[in-house]
Amino acid sequence: MNEYEAGITVRGANDGKRLASAGNIYRILASGAETNGRYALLETLVELGQGAPLYLHEREEEAFFILEGDMVFFTESEKNQGTGRQFSQLLRQYRARFS
C-alpha cells in the first residue's frame, strides 16, 4: 500500500489484507477504518456454487460489480441474475444471499 500526501491510497494487484468468510476469500481494497466509516471496498472471486448464505446488513448498503461470469442475488422475495459487466445493489435491512 502506498499513501500519498494528497490523501490517495493505492493498492497493487497483490496488496490488501485478505479474509475468509463462507468459503470465499475477500481482499480488502479499502476498509471502513481507512474511509472514516463511509464505505468499504472488497474484491472476491466466487466459484460456481459458492457465495454467501442468507445474511442481513443492518447499517450498510452492499454493491457488486461483476467483471465476468454470472451471479445470482436473492432476497426473501426476489431473485436477480447478474452477468458480467453488471452492477447490482442490495439495500440494508433486507435479508439476502448470493451465489
N, C-alpha and C. Protein backbone atom coordinates (compact mmCIF):
# COMPACT_ATOMS: atom_id res chain seq x y z
N MET A 1 0.85 -1.18 0.00
CA MET A 1 0.00 0.00 0.00
C MET A 1 0.89 1.24 0.00
N ASN A 2 0.54 2.19 -0.81
CA ASN A 2 1.25 3.47 -0.85
C ASN A 2 0.27 4.59 -0.56
N GLU A 3 0.57 5.42 0.41
CA GLU A 3 -0.27 6.57 0.70
C GLU A 3 0.50 7.83 0.35
N TYR A 4 -0.15 8.73 -0.34
CA TYR A 4 0.48 9.97 -0.77
C TYR A 4 -0.10 11.14 0.02
N GLU A 5 0.63 12.22 0.07
CA GLU A 5 0.20 13.40 0.82
C GLU A 5 -1.14 13.94 0.35
N ALA A 6 -1.50 13.67 -0.88
CA ALA A 6 -2.76 14.18 -1.43
C ALA A 6 -3.96 13.41 -0.88
N GLY A 7 -3.73 12.41 -0.01
CA GLY A 7 -4.83 11.64 0.54
C GLY A 7 -5.25 10.49 -0.35
N ILE A 8 -4.38 10.03 -1.20
CA ILE A 8 -4.68 8.93 -2.11
C ILE A 8 -4.10 7.64 -1.56
N THR A 9 -4.88 6.59 -1.56
CA THR A 9 -4.39 5.27 -1.19
C THR A 9 -4.38 4.42 -2.45
N VAL A 10 -3.28 3.74 -2.69
CA VAL A 10 -3.13 2.90 -3.88
C VAL A 10 -2.82 1.49 -3.42
N ARG A 11 -3.53 0.51 -3.97
CA ARG A 11 -3.25 -0.89 -3.70
C ARG A 11 -2.92 -1.57 -5.02
N GLY A 12 -1.83 -2.29 -5.04
CA GLY A 12 -1.44 -3.04 -6.22
C GLY A 12 -2.23 -4.34 -6.33
N ALA A 13 -1.97 -5.08 -7.39
CA ALA A 13 -2.72 -6.30 -7.69
C ALA A 13 -2.62 -7.34 -6.58
N ASN A 14 -1.56 -7.33 -5.79
CA ASN A 14 -1.41 -8.33 -4.73
C ASN A 14 -1.46 -7.73 -3.34
N ASP A 15 -1.76 -6.43 -3.23
CA ASP A 15 -1.82 -5.76 -1.94
C ASP A 15 -3.21 -5.91 -1.32
N GLY A 16 -3.27 -5.68 -0.03
CA GLY A 16 -4.54 -5.69 0.68
C GLY A 16 -4.68 -6.91 1.56
N LYS A 17 -5.22 -6.70 2.73
CA LYS A 17 -5.48 -7.79 3.67
C LYS A 17 -6.55 -8.72 3.09
N ARG A 18 -6.40 -10.00 3.34
CA ARG A 18 -7.37 -10.99 2.88
C ARG A 18 -8.07 -11.61 4.08
N LEU A 19 -9.34 -11.92 3.90
CA LEU A 19 -10.09 -12.60 4.94
C LEU A 19 -11.00 -13.64 4.31
N ALA A 20 -11.30 -14.67 5.07
CA ALA A 20 -12.15 -15.76 4.59
C ALA A 20 -13.51 -15.68 5.27
N SER A 21 -14.56 -15.91 4.48
CA SER A 21 -15.92 -15.92 5.01
C SER A 21 -16.80 -16.77 4.10
N ALA A 22 -17.53 -17.69 4.66
CA ALA A 22 -18.49 -18.54 3.93
C ALA A 22 -17.84 -19.24 2.73
N GLY A 23 -16.58 -19.65 2.88
CA GLY A 23 -15.91 -20.38 1.82
C GLY A 23 -15.31 -19.51 0.74
N ASN A 24 -15.36 -18.20 0.87
CA ASN A 24 -14.81 -17.28 -0.11
C ASN A 24 -13.64 -16.51 0.51
N ILE A 25 -12.72 -16.07 -0.33
CA ILE A 25 -11.61 -15.23 0.12
C ILE A 25 -11.87 -13.82 -0.40
N TYR A 26 -11.86 -12.85 0.50
CA TYR A 26 -12.09 -11.46 0.16
C TYR A 26 -10.80 -10.68 0.35
N ARG A 27 -10.49 -9.77 -0.58
CA ARG A 27 -9.35 -8.89 -0.46
C ARG A 27 -9.87 -7.50 -0.17
N ILE A 28 -9.41 -6.91 0.92
CA ILE A 28 -9.87 -5.58 1.30
C ILE A 28 -9.07 -4.54 0.53
N LEU A 29 -9.77 -3.81 -0.31
CA LEU A 29 -9.14 -2.73 -1.09
C LEU A 29 -9.20 -1.41 -0.34
N ALA A 30 -10.28 -1.19 0.40
CA ALA A 30 -10.43 -0.01 1.25
C ALA A 30 -11.30 -0.42 2.43
N SER A 31 -10.79 -0.28 3.62
CA SER A 31 -11.56 -0.67 4.81
C SER A 31 -12.38 0.51 5.31
N GLY A 32 -13.36 0.20 6.15
CA GLY A 32 -14.14 1.26 6.77
C GLY A 32 -13.27 2.20 7.60
N ALA A 33 -12.25 1.64 8.25
CA ALA A 33 -11.34 2.46 9.04
C ALA A 33 -10.58 3.44 8.15
N GLU A 34 -10.24 3.02 6.94
CA GLU A 34 -9.49 3.88 6.02
C GLU A 34 -10.36 4.94 5.36
N THR A 35 -11.68 4.71 5.33
CA THR A 35 -12.59 5.67 4.68
C THR A 35 -13.44 6.41 5.69
N ASN A 36 -13.01 6.37 6.97
CA ASN A 36 -13.74 7.03 8.05
C ASN A 36 -15.19 6.54 8.14
N GLY A 37 -15.38 5.24 7.88
CA GLY A 37 -16.70 4.64 8.00
C GLY A 37 -17.65 4.92 6.86
N ARG A 38 -17.20 5.59 5.83
CA ARG A 38 -18.09 5.94 4.71
C ARG A 38 -18.42 4.74 3.83
N TYR A 39 -17.44 3.87 3.61
CA TYR A 39 -17.65 2.68 2.79
C TYR A 39 -16.47 1.74 2.99
N ALA A 40 -16.62 0.53 2.50
CA ALA A 40 -15.52 -0.43 2.38
C ALA A 40 -15.62 -1.01 0.98
N LEU A 41 -14.48 -1.38 0.42
CA LEU A 41 -14.46 -1.95 -0.91
C LEU A 41 -13.66 -3.25 -0.87
N LEU A 42 -14.30 -4.34 -1.31
CA LEU A 42 -13.66 -5.65 -1.30
C LEU A 42 -13.71 -6.27 -2.67
N GLU A 43 -12.79 -7.16 -2.92
CA GLU A 43 -12.73 -7.91 -4.17
C GLU A 43 -12.79 -9.39 -3.80
N THR A 44 -13.51 -10.18 -4.59
CA THR A 44 -13.54 -11.62 -4.36
C THR A 44 -13.77 -12.35 -5.67
N LEU A 45 -13.34 -13.58 -5.70
CA LEU A 45 -13.63 -14.49 -6.79
C LEU A 45 -14.55 -15.54 -6.20
N VAL A 46 -15.76 -15.60 -6.69
CA VAL A 46 -16.75 -16.55 -6.18
C VAL A 46 -16.83 -17.71 -7.16
N GLU A 47 -16.47 -18.89 -6.68
CA GLU A 47 -16.53 -20.08 -7.52
C GLU A 47 -17.98 -20.52 -7.71
N LEU A 48 -18.24 -21.21 -8.79
CA LEU A 48 -19.58 -21.72 -9.09
C LEU A 48 -20.10 -22.54 -7.90
N GLY A 49 -21.30 -22.22 -7.46
CA GLY A 49 -21.91 -22.91 -6.34
C GLY A 49 -21.53 -22.35 -4.98
N GLN A 50 -20.59 -21.42 -4.96
CA GLN A 50 -20.20 -20.77 -3.70
C GLN A 50 -20.99 -19.48 -3.56
N GLY A 51 -20.70 -18.74 -2.55
CA GLY A 51 -21.37 -17.47 -2.32
C GLY A 51 -21.56 -17.27 -0.84
N ALA A 52 -22.59 -16.57 -0.47
CA ALA A 52 -22.86 -16.30 0.94
C ALA A 52 -24.23 -16.84 1.30
N PRO A 53 -24.36 -17.43 2.48
CA PRO A 53 -25.68 -17.84 2.94
C PRO A 53 -26.52 -16.61 3.29
N LEU A 54 -27.77 -16.79 3.61
CA LEU A 54 -28.67 -15.69 3.96
C LEU A 54 -28.06 -14.86 5.09
N TYR A 55 -28.00 -13.55 4.90
CA TYR A 55 -27.43 -12.64 5.90
C TYR A 55 -28.20 -11.33 5.88
N LEU A 56 -27.91 -10.48 6.85
CA LEU A 56 -28.59 -9.19 6.97
C LEU A 56 -27.57 -8.12 7.31
N HIS A 57 -27.53 -7.05 6.52
CA HIS A 57 -26.75 -5.86 6.86
C HIS A 57 -27.73 -4.86 7.44
N GLU A 58 -27.55 -4.53 8.71
CA GLU A 58 -28.46 -3.59 9.36
C GLU A 58 -28.13 -2.13 9.06
N ARG A 59 -26.84 -1.83 8.80
CA ARG A 59 -26.41 -0.43 8.61
C ARG A 59 -25.90 -0.13 7.22
N GLU A 60 -25.45 -1.15 6.48
CA GLU A 60 -24.74 -0.92 5.23
C GLU A 60 -25.54 -1.32 4.01
N GLU A 61 -25.40 -0.54 2.97
CA GLU A 61 -25.82 -0.96 1.63
C GLU A 61 -24.70 -1.85 1.11
N GLU A 62 -25.00 -2.69 0.14
CA GLU A 62 -23.96 -3.55 -0.43
C GLU A 62 -24.09 -3.51 -1.94
N ALA A 63 -22.97 -3.34 -2.62
CA ALA A 63 -23.00 -3.24 -4.07
C ALA A 63 -22.00 -4.22 -4.66
N PHE A 64 -22.32 -4.71 -5.85
CA PHE A 64 -21.49 -5.67 -6.56
C PHE A 64 -21.31 -5.19 -7.99
N PHE A 65 -20.11 -5.34 -8.51
CA PHE A 65 -19.87 -5.16 -9.94
C PHE A 65 -19.23 -6.44 -10.42
N ILE A 66 -19.92 -7.15 -11.28
CA ILE A 66 -19.47 -8.45 -11.77
C ILE A 66 -18.58 -8.21 -12.98
N LEU A 67 -17.34 -8.62 -12.88
CA LEU A 67 -16.41 -8.44 -14.00
C LEU A 67 -16.67 -9.45 -15.10
N GLU A 68 -16.86 -10.72 -14.71
CA GLU A 68 -17.14 -11.76 -15.69
C GLU A 68 -17.89 -12.89 -15.01
N GLY A 69 -18.56 -13.70 -15.80
CA GLY A 69 -19.34 -14.80 -15.25
C GLY A 69 -20.73 -14.36 -14.84
N ASP A 70 -21.37 -15.17 -14.02
CA ASP A 70 -22.74 -14.93 -13.56
C ASP A 70 -22.81 -15.03 -12.05
N MET A 71 -23.76 -14.34 -11.48
CA MET A 71 -24.02 -14.41 -10.05
C MET A 71 -25.51 -14.21 -9.85
N VAL A 72 -26.08 -14.95 -8.92
CA VAL A 72 -27.49 -14.83 -8.61
C VAL A 72 -27.63 -14.20 -7.23
N PHE A 73 -28.47 -13.17 -7.13
CA PHE A 73 -28.74 -12.48 -5.88
C PHE A 73 -30.16 -12.81 -5.44
N PHE A 74 -30.33 -13.10 -4.17
CA PHE A 74 -31.63 -13.45 -3.63
C PHE A 74 -31.94 -12.59 -2.41
N THR A 75 -33.17 -12.13 -2.30
CA THR A 75 -33.71 -11.63 -1.05
C THR A 75 -34.79 -12.64 -0.67
N GLU A 76 -35.53 -12.37 0.38
CA GLU A 76 -36.58 -13.32 0.78
C GLU A 76 -37.70 -13.37 -0.25
N SER A 77 -37.82 -12.34 -1.09
CA SER A 77 -38.92 -12.33 -2.06
C SER A 77 -38.48 -12.14 -3.52
N GLU A 78 -37.18 -11.92 -3.77
CA GLU A 78 -36.73 -11.65 -5.13
C GLU A 78 -35.53 -12.50 -5.51
N LYS A 79 -35.36 -12.65 -6.82
CA LYS A 79 -34.18 -13.31 -7.38
C LYS A 79 -33.75 -12.49 -8.58
N ASN A 80 -32.45 -12.21 -8.68
CA ASN A 80 -31.92 -11.44 -9.79
C ASN A 80 -30.67 -12.11 -10.32
N GLN A 81 -30.64 -12.36 -11.62
CA GLN A 81 -29.48 -12.96 -12.26
C GLN A 81 -28.54 -11.85 -12.73
N GLY A 82 -27.33 -11.82 -12.19
CA GLY A 82 -26.34 -10.85 -12.61
C GLY A 82 -25.36 -11.49 -13.58
N THR A 83 -24.93 -10.73 -14.57
CA THR A 83 -23.97 -11.23 -15.55
C THR A 83 -22.78 -10.29 -15.62
N GLY A 84 -21.76 -10.70 -16.35
CA GLY A 84 -20.55 -9.90 -16.47
C GLY A 84 -20.83 -8.48 -16.91
N ARG A 85 -20.08 -7.55 -16.32
CA ARG A 85 -20.18 -6.11 -16.59
C ARG A 85 -21.50 -5.52 -16.10
N GLN A 86 -22.07 -6.11 -15.04
CA GLN A 86 -23.34 -5.63 -14.48
C GLN A 86 -23.14 -5.21 -13.03
N PHE A 87 -23.84 -4.16 -12.63
CA PHE A 87 -23.85 -3.64 -11.26
C PHE A 87 -25.14 -4.08 -10.58
N SER A 88 -25.05 -4.53 -9.34
CA SER A 88 -26.23 -4.86 -8.53
C SER A 88 -26.03 -4.26 -7.15
N GLN A 89 -27.13 -3.83 -6.53
CA GLN A 89 -27.06 -3.26 -5.19
C GLN A 89 -28.09 -3.93 -4.31
N LEU A 90 -27.68 -4.27 -3.09
CA LEU A 90 -28.58 -4.83 -2.09
C LEU A 90 -28.75 -3.79 -0.99
N LEU A 91 -29.97 -3.45 -0.67
CA LEU A 91 -30.25 -2.42 0.33
C LEU A 91 -30.15 -2.99 1.74
N ARG A 92 -29.79 -2.14 2.68
CA ARG A 92 -29.73 -2.58 4.07
C ARG A 92 -31.13 -2.98 4.54
N GLN A 93 -31.17 -3.75 5.60
CA GLN A 93 -32.40 -4.24 6.21
C GLN A 93 -33.11 -5.31 5.38
N TYR A 94 -32.50 -5.78 4.32
CA TYR A 94 -33.05 -6.90 3.54
C TYR A 94 -32.19 -8.12 3.79
N ARG A 95 -32.83 -9.22 4.09
CA ARG A 95 -32.09 -10.49 4.17
C ARG A 95 -31.76 -10.89 2.75
N ALA A 96 -30.49 -11.22 2.52
CA ALA A 96 -30.06 -11.51 1.15
C ALA A 96 -29.01 -12.61 1.17
N ARG A 97 -28.76 -13.17 0.00
CA ARG A 97 -27.66 -14.10 -0.21
C ARG A 97 -27.27 -14.01 -1.68
N PHE A 98 -26.11 -14.54 -2.01
CA PHE A 98 -25.69 -14.57 -3.40
C PHE A 98 -24.92 -15.85 -3.66
N SER A 99 -24.96 -16.28 -4.90
CA SER A 99 -24.20 -17.47 -5.31
C SER A 99 -23.87 -17.37 -6.78
